[in-house]
Amino acid sequence: MSEQSNRPLRLIVQIPALNEGETIASVITDIPREIPGVGSIEVLIIDDGCTDDTVAVALRAGANHVVRHTSNKGLATAYQTGIDTALRLGADIIVNTDADNQYPGSEIARLVEPILSGRADIVVGDRQVQLIEHFSLLKRALQHLGSSVVRWASETDVPDTVSGFRALSRHAALRTFVTTDFSYTIENLIQAGKRRLTITAVPIRTNLVERPSRLHRGNWNFIKRQAAIIARTYTSYEPLKVFSYIALAFFIPGTLLLLRAAYVYIGRNFGLVADNLQSLQMGSLLMMMALITFLIGLLADRVGGVRRVQEEILYRVRSMQVEDDAWRRGVTSRLDQIEHDLREQPVAQPDA
């Protein structure tokens, strides 16, 4: 940590791209190359199987690094590839932005300020969706509802949970690992919230993007896939709570049916004529289902404990790999400097 604090901070802006040759140059040229408190700013392009001239245009526009997928792997995988590559390049802060020019590069300075000041591990750009005129009323309502659910699931206070414009500190990036194959935004927020990372949001302006999204096929497809991600990710971190709620759905009606069966049984001694066989059978079945569901929750909770240990091991292994890469870069740089100095030294002429 002391070594990192004594050297200039390195910020890498990663841009996942799939056939964005028309907009990628505007995105790169809009990225600031100087921010107070940051020593260097570099641009990393994640080529997610581009078949056009995106990479060539990006390099001409000033991109510093390119990492390529042999085929289209999807946004989530491209995001993870960018995080891993940026860490190996020695990034202290990583900013993710879109290649369609939705997020102005001029907002990057405001996005990273909470990290520079030590107030946050992750910063999400709030597009202030309710104020975006070209968003339909339905889209605004769905955005508000979805973000409310994610805030509850993640125990965070991020207004725009699906915003892809976000900044991560080195520590947060090392703890980021995407498991979904659709979108990283919601999964990473829930992960970060459960890992007690400090997350904040800053309001940003956006540019108009007229082409349709390439991530999903309409609002309902987006909702369905994001809902599945929320359910899986939340269950991974709160299995006992989830299965307890499900068990409760069996336990309550089962208890009521068994109480009815007991009431009928006792009432027979006072002349009550009724049959309690069906209530007894259904009540017993529901109670057994409640017990089995709760036991599954206990087992899943223990599995979750093992997963948390594995996540800590993964974090430490990635930290060591990144530090090893940094050491190798430092050694290579020093060797190159020594070789350069030796070449520059004048050769002593032998005496005549």
Protein backbone atom coordinates (compact mmCIF):
# COMPACT_ATOMS: atom_id res chain seq x y z
CA MET A 1 0.00 0.00 0.00
CA SER A 2 2.80 2.38 0.83
CA GLU A 3 4.39 1.83 -2.57
CA GLN A 4 1.07 2.58 -4.27
CA SER A 5 0.51 5.74 -2.23
CA ASN A 6 3.96 7.08 -3.16
CA ARG A 7 3.54 6.72 -6.91
CA PRO A 8 1.20 8.54 -9.30
CA LEU A 9 -2.22 6.95 -9.61
CA ARG A 10 -2.94 5.17 -12.87
CA LEU A 11 -6.47 5.41 -14.29
CA ILE A 12 -7.56 3.09 -17.07
CA VAL A 13 -10.80 3.70 -18.97
CA GLN A 14 -12.10 0.42 -20.35
CA ILE A 15 -14.51 0.37 -23.28
CA PRO A 16 -16.19 -2.92 -24.27
CA ALA A 17 -16.97 -2.66 -27.98
CA LEU A 18 -18.80 -4.65 -30.63
CA ASN A 19 -18.86 -3.07 -34.10
CA GLU A 20 -18.84 0.55 -32.85
CA GLY A 21 -16.67 1.98 -35.62
CA GLU A 22 -18.99 4.97 -36.09
CA THR A 23 -18.86 6.19 -32.47
CA ILE A 24 -15.70 4.82 -30.87
CA ALA A 25 -13.50 7.73 -32.00
CA SER A 26 -15.86 10.27 -30.41
CA VAL A 27 -15.83 8.30 -27.16
CA ILE A 28 -12.03 8.16 -27.00
CA THR A 29 -11.34 11.76 -27.99
CA ASP A 30 -13.82 12.93 -25.33
CA ILE A 31 -11.90 11.15 -22.54
CA PRO A 32 -9.78 13.62 -20.54
CA ARG A 33 -6.06 12.88 -20.40
CA GLU A 34 -5.45 14.93 -17.26
CA ILE A 35 -7.37 14.83 -13.98
CA PRO A 36 -6.09 16.40 -10.74
CA GLY A 37 -4.77 13.65 -8.48
CA VAL A 38 -4.24 11.18 -11.33
CA GLY A 39 -0.79 10.56 -12.76
CA SER A 40 -1.77 8.94 -16.06
CA ILE A 41 -4.96 8.12 -17.96
CA GLU A 42 -5.02 5.31 -20.53
CA VAL A 43 -7.73 3.81 -22.71
CA LEU A 44 -8.31 0.07 -22.99
CA ILE A 45 -10.53 -1.34 -25.77
CA ILE A 46 -12.15 -4.76 -25.28
CA ASP A 47 -12.77 -6.09 -28.77
CA ASP A 48 -15.73 -8.43 -28.26
CA GLY A 49 -15.56 -10.05 -31.68
CA CYS A 50 -15.75 -6.92 -33.84
CA THR A 51 -16.13 -7.53 -37.58
CA ASP A 52 -15.76 -3.89 -38.64
CA ASP A 53 -12.92 -1.36 -38.26
CA THR A 54 -13.65 -0.51 -34.59
CA VAL A 55 -10.16 -1.42 -33.37
CA ALA A 56 -8.34 0.44 -36.15
CA VAL A 57 -10.45 3.55 -35.58
CA ALA A 58 -9.88 3.32 -31.82
CA LEU A 59 -6.12 3.08 -32.19
CA ARG A 60 -6.04 6.07 -34.54
CA ALA A 61 -8.16 8.01 -32.04
CA GLY A 62 -5.66 7.39 -29.24
CA ALA A 63 -6.50 4.06 -27.57
CA ASN A 64 -3.50 2.74 -25.63
CA HIS A 65 -4.36 -0.94 -25.26
CA VAL A 66 -6.54 -3.52 -27.01
CA VAL A 67 -7.56 -6.96 -25.78
CA ARG A 68 -9.44 -9.21 -28.18
CA HIS A 69 -12.03 -11.97 -27.93
CA THR A 70 -11.90 -14.46 -30.79
CA SER A 71 -15.71 -14.24 -31.01
CA ASN A 72 -18.57 -12.36 -29.43
CA LYS A 73 -18.72 -13.37 -25.74
CA GLY A 74 -21.27 -10.85 -24.52
CA LEU A 75 -21.13 -7.68 -22.45
CA ALA A 76 -20.65 -9.39 -19.08
CA THR A 77 -17.63 -11.37 -20.24
CA ALA A 78 -16.16 -8.33 -21.99
CA TYR A 79 -16.52 -6.32 -18.78
CA GLN A 80 -14.70 -8.99 -16.76
CA THR A 81 -11.96 -9.23 -19.39
CA GLY A 82 -11.50 -5.47 -19.14
CA ILE A 83 -11.25 -5.57 -15.35
CA ASP A 84 -8.68 -8.38 -15.42
CA THR A 85 -6.62 -6.69 -18.13
CA ALA A 86 -6.70 -3.27 -16.47
CA LEU A 87 -5.51 -4.79 -13.20
CA ARG A 88 -2.63 -6.53 -14.97
CA LEU A 89 -1.74 -3.19 -16.57
CA GLY A 90 -1.41 -1.71 -13.09
CA ALA A 91 -4.63 0.29 -12.81
CA ASP A 92 -5.35 1.97 -9.49
CA ILE A 93 -8.75 3.17 -10.70
CA ILE A 94 -10.84 1.60 -13.46
CA VAL A 95 -13.63 3.45 -15.27
CA ASN A 96 -16.06 1.53 -17.45
CA THR A 97 -17.91 3.38 -20.19
CA ASP A 98 -19.94 2.38 -23.25
CA ALA A 99 -18.71 2.52 -26.84
CA ASP A 100 -21.98 4.01 -28.13
CA ASN A 101 -21.09 7.47 -26.70
CA GLN A 102 -23.97 7.50 -24.21
CA TYR A 103 -21.72 8.70 -21.39
CA PRO A 104 -19.70 11.91 -21.92
CA GLY A 105 -16.01 11.55 -21.17
CA SER A 106 -16.08 14.95 -19.49
CA GLU A 107 -18.00 13.33 -16.61
CA ILE A 108 -15.12 10.98 -15.73
CA ALA A 109 -13.45 13.51 -13.45
CA ARG A 110 -16.63 13.81 -11.34
CA LEU A 111 -17.07 10.03 -11.40
CA VAL A 112 -13.66 9.23 -9.92
CA GLU A 113 -13.58 12.08 -7.38
CA PRO A 114 -15.15 10.04 -4.51
CA ILE A 115 -12.51 7.34 -5.02
CA LEU A 116 -9.67 9.87 -5.15
CA SER A 117 -10.90 11.44 -1.91
CA GLY A 118 -11.21 8.04 -0.23
CA ARG A 119 -15.00 8.23 0.20
CA ALA A 120 -15.99 5.26 -1.99
CA ASP A 121 -14.83 1.97 -3.47
CA ILE A 122 -17.34 2.02 -6.33
CA VAL A 123 -19.02 5.01 -7.97
CA VAL A 124 -22.00 4.65 -10.32
CA GLY A 125 -23.05 7.39 -12.72
CA ASP A 126 -26.71 8.27 -12.16
CA ARG A 127 -28.28 9.12 -15.51
CA GLN A 128 -31.30 10.66 -13.68
CA VAL A 129 -33.60 8.57 -15.83
CA GLN A 130 -36.74 10.40 -14.70
CA LEU A 131 -35.41 13.55 -16.39
CA ILE A 132 -34.40 11.97 -19.72
CA GLU A 133 -36.97 13.17 -22.22
CA HIS A 134 -36.45 10.50 -24.88
CA PHE A 135 -37.18 7.70 -22.37
CA SER A 136 -40.82 6.60 -22.54
CA LEU A 137 -43.05 6.73 -19.48
CA LEU A 138 -43.09 2.92 -19.36
CA LYS A 139 -39.31 2.73 -19.48
CA ARG A 140 -38.99 5.27 -16.67
CA ALA A 141 -41.48 3.37 -14.54
CA LEU A 142 -39.74 0.05 -15.14
CA GLN A 143 -36.37 1.63 -14.41
CA HIS A 144 -37.65 3.03 -11.11
CA LEU A 145 -39.22 -0.28 -10.07
CA GLY A 146 -36.19 -2.33 -11.05
CA SER A 147 -33.75 -0.03 -9.28
CA SER A 148 -35.90 -0.16 -6.13
CA VAL A 149 -35.76 -3.96 -6.12
CA VAL A 150 -31.97 -3.96 -6.65
CA ARG A 151 -31.47 -1.38 -3.88
CA TRP A 152 -33.38 -3.66 -1.53
CA ALA A 153 -31.47 -6.77 -2.64
CA SER A 154 -28.05 -5.10 -2.50
CA GLU A 155 -28.68 -2.93 0.57
CA THR A 156 -27.28 0.05 -1.31
CA ASP A 157 -28.63 3.44 -2.28
CA VAL A 158 -27.85 3.67 -6.00
CA PRO A 159 -30.64 5.40 -7.99
CA ASP A 160 -29.60 4.07 -11.43
CA THR A 161 -28.63 0.45 -10.84
CA VAL A 162 -28.24 -0.54 -14.50
CA SER A 163 -25.92 2.32 -15.42
CA GLY A 164 -22.76 1.01 -17.06
CA PHE A 165 -20.84 4.21 -16.34
CA ARG A 166 -18.99 3.34 -13.15
CA ALA A 167 -15.60 3.63 -11.49
CA LEU A 168 -13.89 1.05 -9.30
CA SER A 169 -10.93 1.33 -6.98
CA ARG A 170 -8.20 -1.27 -7.25
CA HIS A 171 -9.52 -3.00 -4.12
CA ALA A 172 -13.08 -3.18 -5.49
CA ALA A 173 -11.86 -4.40 -8.90
CA LEU A 174 -9.94 -7.24 -7.29
CA ARG A 175 -13.17 -8.36 -5.60
CA THR A 176 -15.20 -8.13 -8.82
CA PHE A 177 -15.98 -11.37 -10.60
CA VAL A 178 -18.86 -11.68 -13.07
CA THR A 179 -20.71 -15.01 -13.23
CA THR A 180 -23.69 -14.05 -15.41
CA ASP A 181 -23.54 -14.17 -19.19
CA PHE A 182 -25.93 -11.24 -19.77
CA SER A 183 -25.17 -8.02 -17.89
CA TYR A 184 -22.77 -7.26 -15.07
CA THR A 185 -24.46 -4.15 -13.63
CA ILE A 186 -26.96 -5.65 -11.20
CA GLU A 187 -24.91 -8.68 -10.20
CA ASN A 188 -21.89 -6.54 -9.32
CA LEU A 189 -24.00 -4.15 -7.23
CA ILE A 190 -25.49 -6.98 -5.18
CA GLN A 191 -22.06 -8.57 -4.80
CA ALA A 192 -20.50 -5.28 -3.70
CA GLY A 193 -23.32 -4.53 -1.28
CA LYS A 194 -23.07 -7.94 0.37
CA ARG A 195 -19.28 -7.60 0.59
CA ARG A 196 -19.78 -4.27 2.39
CA LEU A 197 -17.89 -2.21 -0.18
CA THR A 198 -18.66 1.50 -0.05
CA ILE A 199 -20.81 2.46 -3.04
CA THR A 200 -21.98 5.92 -4.01
CA ALA A 201 -23.59 7.58 -7.02
CA VAL A 202 -23.00 10.87 -8.78
CA PRO A 203 -25.51 12.53 -11.14
CA ILE A 204 -24.30 12.73 -14.72
CA ARG A 205 -25.61 13.98 -18.04
CA THR A 206 -25.90 11.67 -21.03
CA ASN A 207 -25.75 11.87 -24.80
CA LEU A 208 -28.62 10.78 -27.01
CA VAL A 209 -28.15 7.29 -28.48
CA GLU A 210 -30.57 6.70 -31.32
CA ARG A 211 -29.74 3.12 -32.30
CA PRO A 212 -31.55 0.31 -30.39
CA SER A 213 -29.74 -1.56 -27.66
CA ARG A 214 -27.69 -4.57 -28.72
CA LEU A 215 -27.85 -6.07 -25.25
CA HIS A 216 -31.48 -7.19 -25.26
CA ARG A 217 -34.53 -7.64 -27.49
CA GLY A 218 -36.98 -5.18 -25.94
CA ASN A 219 -38.07 -4.17 -22.45
CA TRP A 220 -39.70 -7.45 -21.47
CA ASN A 221 -36.70 -9.51 -22.53
CA PHE A 222 -34.50 -7.19 -20.48
CA ILE A 223 -36.79 -7.45 -17.42
CA LYS A 224 -36.95 -11.24 -17.61
CA ARG A 225 -33.20 -11.69 -17.80
CA GLN A 226 -32.41 -9.09 -15.15
CA ALA A 227 -35.01 -10.58 -12.80
CA ALA A 228 -33.31 -13.96 -13.15
CA ILE A 229 -29.96 -12.36 -12.30
CA ILE A 230 -31.41 -10.67 -9.21
CA ALA A 231 -32.98 -13.92 -8.00
CA ARG A 232 -29.83 -16.00 -8.54
CA THR A 233 -27.41 -13.47 -7.09
CA TYR A 234 -29.55 -12.63 -4.04
CA THR A 235 -30.12 -16.32 -3.34
CA SER A 236 -26.37 -16.92 -3.54
CA TYR A 237 -25.73 -14.41 -0.75
CA GLU A 238 -28.91 -14.88 1.34
CA PRO A 239 -29.91 -18.54 0.84
CA LEU A 240 -31.27 -19.14 4.33
CA LYS A 241 -33.46 -16.06 4.17
CA VAL A 242 -34.81 -16.96 0.71
CA PHE A 243 -35.59 -20.58 1.56
CA SER A 244 -37.08 -19.54 4.91
CA TYR A 245 -39.54 -17.31 3.06
CA ILE A 246 -40.44 -20.19 0.74
CA ALA A 247 -40.80 -22.55 3.70
CA LEU A 248 -43.08 -20.02 5.37
CA ALA A 249 -45.39 -20.17 2.34
CA PHE A 250 -45.88 -23.89 3.09
CA PHE A 251 -45.79 -23.59 6.88
CA ILE A 252 -48.63 -21.09 7.33
CA PRO A 253 -51.35 -22.95 5.33
CA GLY A 254 -50.08 -26.26 6.74
CA THR A 255 -50.48 -24.97 10.28
CA LEU A 256 -53.99 -23.69 9.55
CA LEU A 257 -55.04 -27.05 8.08
CA LEU A 258 -53.64 -28.97 11.03
CA LEU A 259 -55.40 -26.63 13.44
CA ARG A 260 -58.64 -27.30 11.60
CA ALA A 261 -58.02 -31.03 11.78
CA ALA A 262 -57.38 -30.76 15.53
CA TYR A 263 -60.52 -28.63 15.97
CA VAL A 264 -62.66 -31.22 14.16
CA TYR A 265 -61.11 -34.06 16.16
CA ILE A 266 -61.79 -32.35 19.47
CA GLY A 267 -65.25 -31.21 18.33
CA ARG A 268 -66.33 -34.78 17.75
CA ASN A 269 -66.44 -35.25 21.51
CA PHE A 270 -69.07 -32.50 21.60
CA GLY A 271 -71.21 -33.82 18.78
CA LEU A 272 -69.50 -32.06 15.86
CA VAL A 273 -70.03 -33.98 12.64
CA ALA A 274 -67.21 -33.26 10.19
CA ASP A 275 -64.34 -35.00 8.39
CA ASN A 276 -60.77 -33.95 9.19
CA LEU A 277 -58.95 -36.49 7.00
CA GLN A 278 -58.23 -34.15 4.08
CA SER A 279 -57.08 -31.32 6.40
CA LEU A 280 -54.82 -33.74 8.23
CA GLN A 281 -53.30 -35.09 5.02
CA MET A 282 -52.77 -31.72 3.33
CA GLY A 283 -51.56 -30.07 6.51
CA SER A 284 -49.03 -32.84 7.13
CA LEU A 285 -47.82 -32.68 3.52
CA LEU A 286 -47.36 -28.91 3.64
CA MET A 287 -45.51 -29.11 6.96
CA MET A 288 -43.16 -31.72 5.54
CA MET A 289 -42.53 -29.52 2.50
CA ALA A 290 -41.83 -26.56 4.79
CA LEU A 291 -39.35 -28.61 6.81
CA ILE A 292 -37.57 -29.95 3.71
CA THR A 293 -37.37 -26.45 2.19
CA PHE A 294 -35.94 -25.03 5.40
CA LEU A 295 -33.34 -27.81 5.57
CA ILE A 296 -32.36 -27.05 1.96
CA GLY A 297 -31.90 -23.44 3.05
CA LEU A 298 -29.60 -24.53 5.91
CA LEU A 299 -27.55 -26.62 3.49
CA ALA A 300 -27.39 -23.76 0.96
CA ASP A 301 -26.30 -21.41 3.74
CA ARG A 302 -23.38 -23.71 4.60
CA VAL A 303 -22.48 -23.92 0.91
CA GLY A 304 -22.60 -20.12 0.87
CA GLY A 305 -20.08 -20.06 3.71
CA VAL A 306 -17.71 -22.17 1.62
CA ARG A 307 -18.29 -19.84 -1.34
CA ARG A 308 -17.35 -16.82 0.77
CA VAL A 309 -14.09 -18.52 1.73
CA GLN A 310 -13.47 -19.28 -1.95
CA GLU A 311 -14.12 -15.64 -2.85
CA GLU A 312 -11.53 -14.55 -0.29
CA ILE A 313 -9.04 -17.05 -1.71
CA LEU A 314 -9.77 -15.78 -5.24
CA TYR A 315 -9.24 -12.18 -4.05
CA ARG A 316 -5.87 -13.01 -2.53
CA VAL A 317 -4.73 -15.04 -5.54
CA ARG A 318 -5.70 -12.24 -7.93
CA SER A 319 -3.91 -9.72 -5.68
CA MET A 320 -0.73 -11.77 -5.79
CA GLN A 321 -0.99 -12.19 -9.57
CA VAL A 322 -1.46 -8.47 -10.08
CA GLU A 323 1.44 -7.62 -7.77
CA ASP A 324 3.62 -10.18 -9.57
CA ASP A 325 2.72 -8.62 -12.93
CA ALA A 326 3.57 -5.18 -11.54
CA TRP A 327 6.92 -6.46 -10.27
CA ARG A 328 7.71 -8.01 -13.64
CA ARG A 329 6.84 -4.75 -15.42
CA GLY A 330 9.08 -2.87 -13.00
CA VAL A 331 11.99 -5.26 -13.56
CA THR A 332 11.54 -5.10 -17.35
CA SER A 333 11.42 -1.32 -17.22
CA ARG A 334 14.59 -1.13 -15.16
CA LEU A 335 16.40 -3.58 -17.43
CA ASP A 336 15.37 -1.57 -20.47
CA GLN A 337 16.66 1.59 -18.80
CA ILE A 338 19.98 -0.07 -17.95
CA GLU A 339 20.33 -1.33 -21.51
CA HIS A 340 19.57 2.15 -22.84
CA ASP A 341 22.14 3.74 -20.52
CA LEU A 342 24.79 1.24 -21.56
CA ARG A 343 24.16 1.97 -25.23
CA GLU A 344 24.44 5.70 -24.62
CA GLN A 345 27.76 5.41 -22.84
CA PRO A 346 30.74 6.32 -25.05
CA VAL A 347 33.06 3.44 -25.92
CA ALA A 348 36.57 3.97 -24.62
CA GLN A 349 39.14 4.10 -27.42
CA PRO A 350 42.27 1.97 -26.92
CA ASP A 351 45.54 3.84 -26.56
CA ALA A 352 47.56 4.06 -29.78
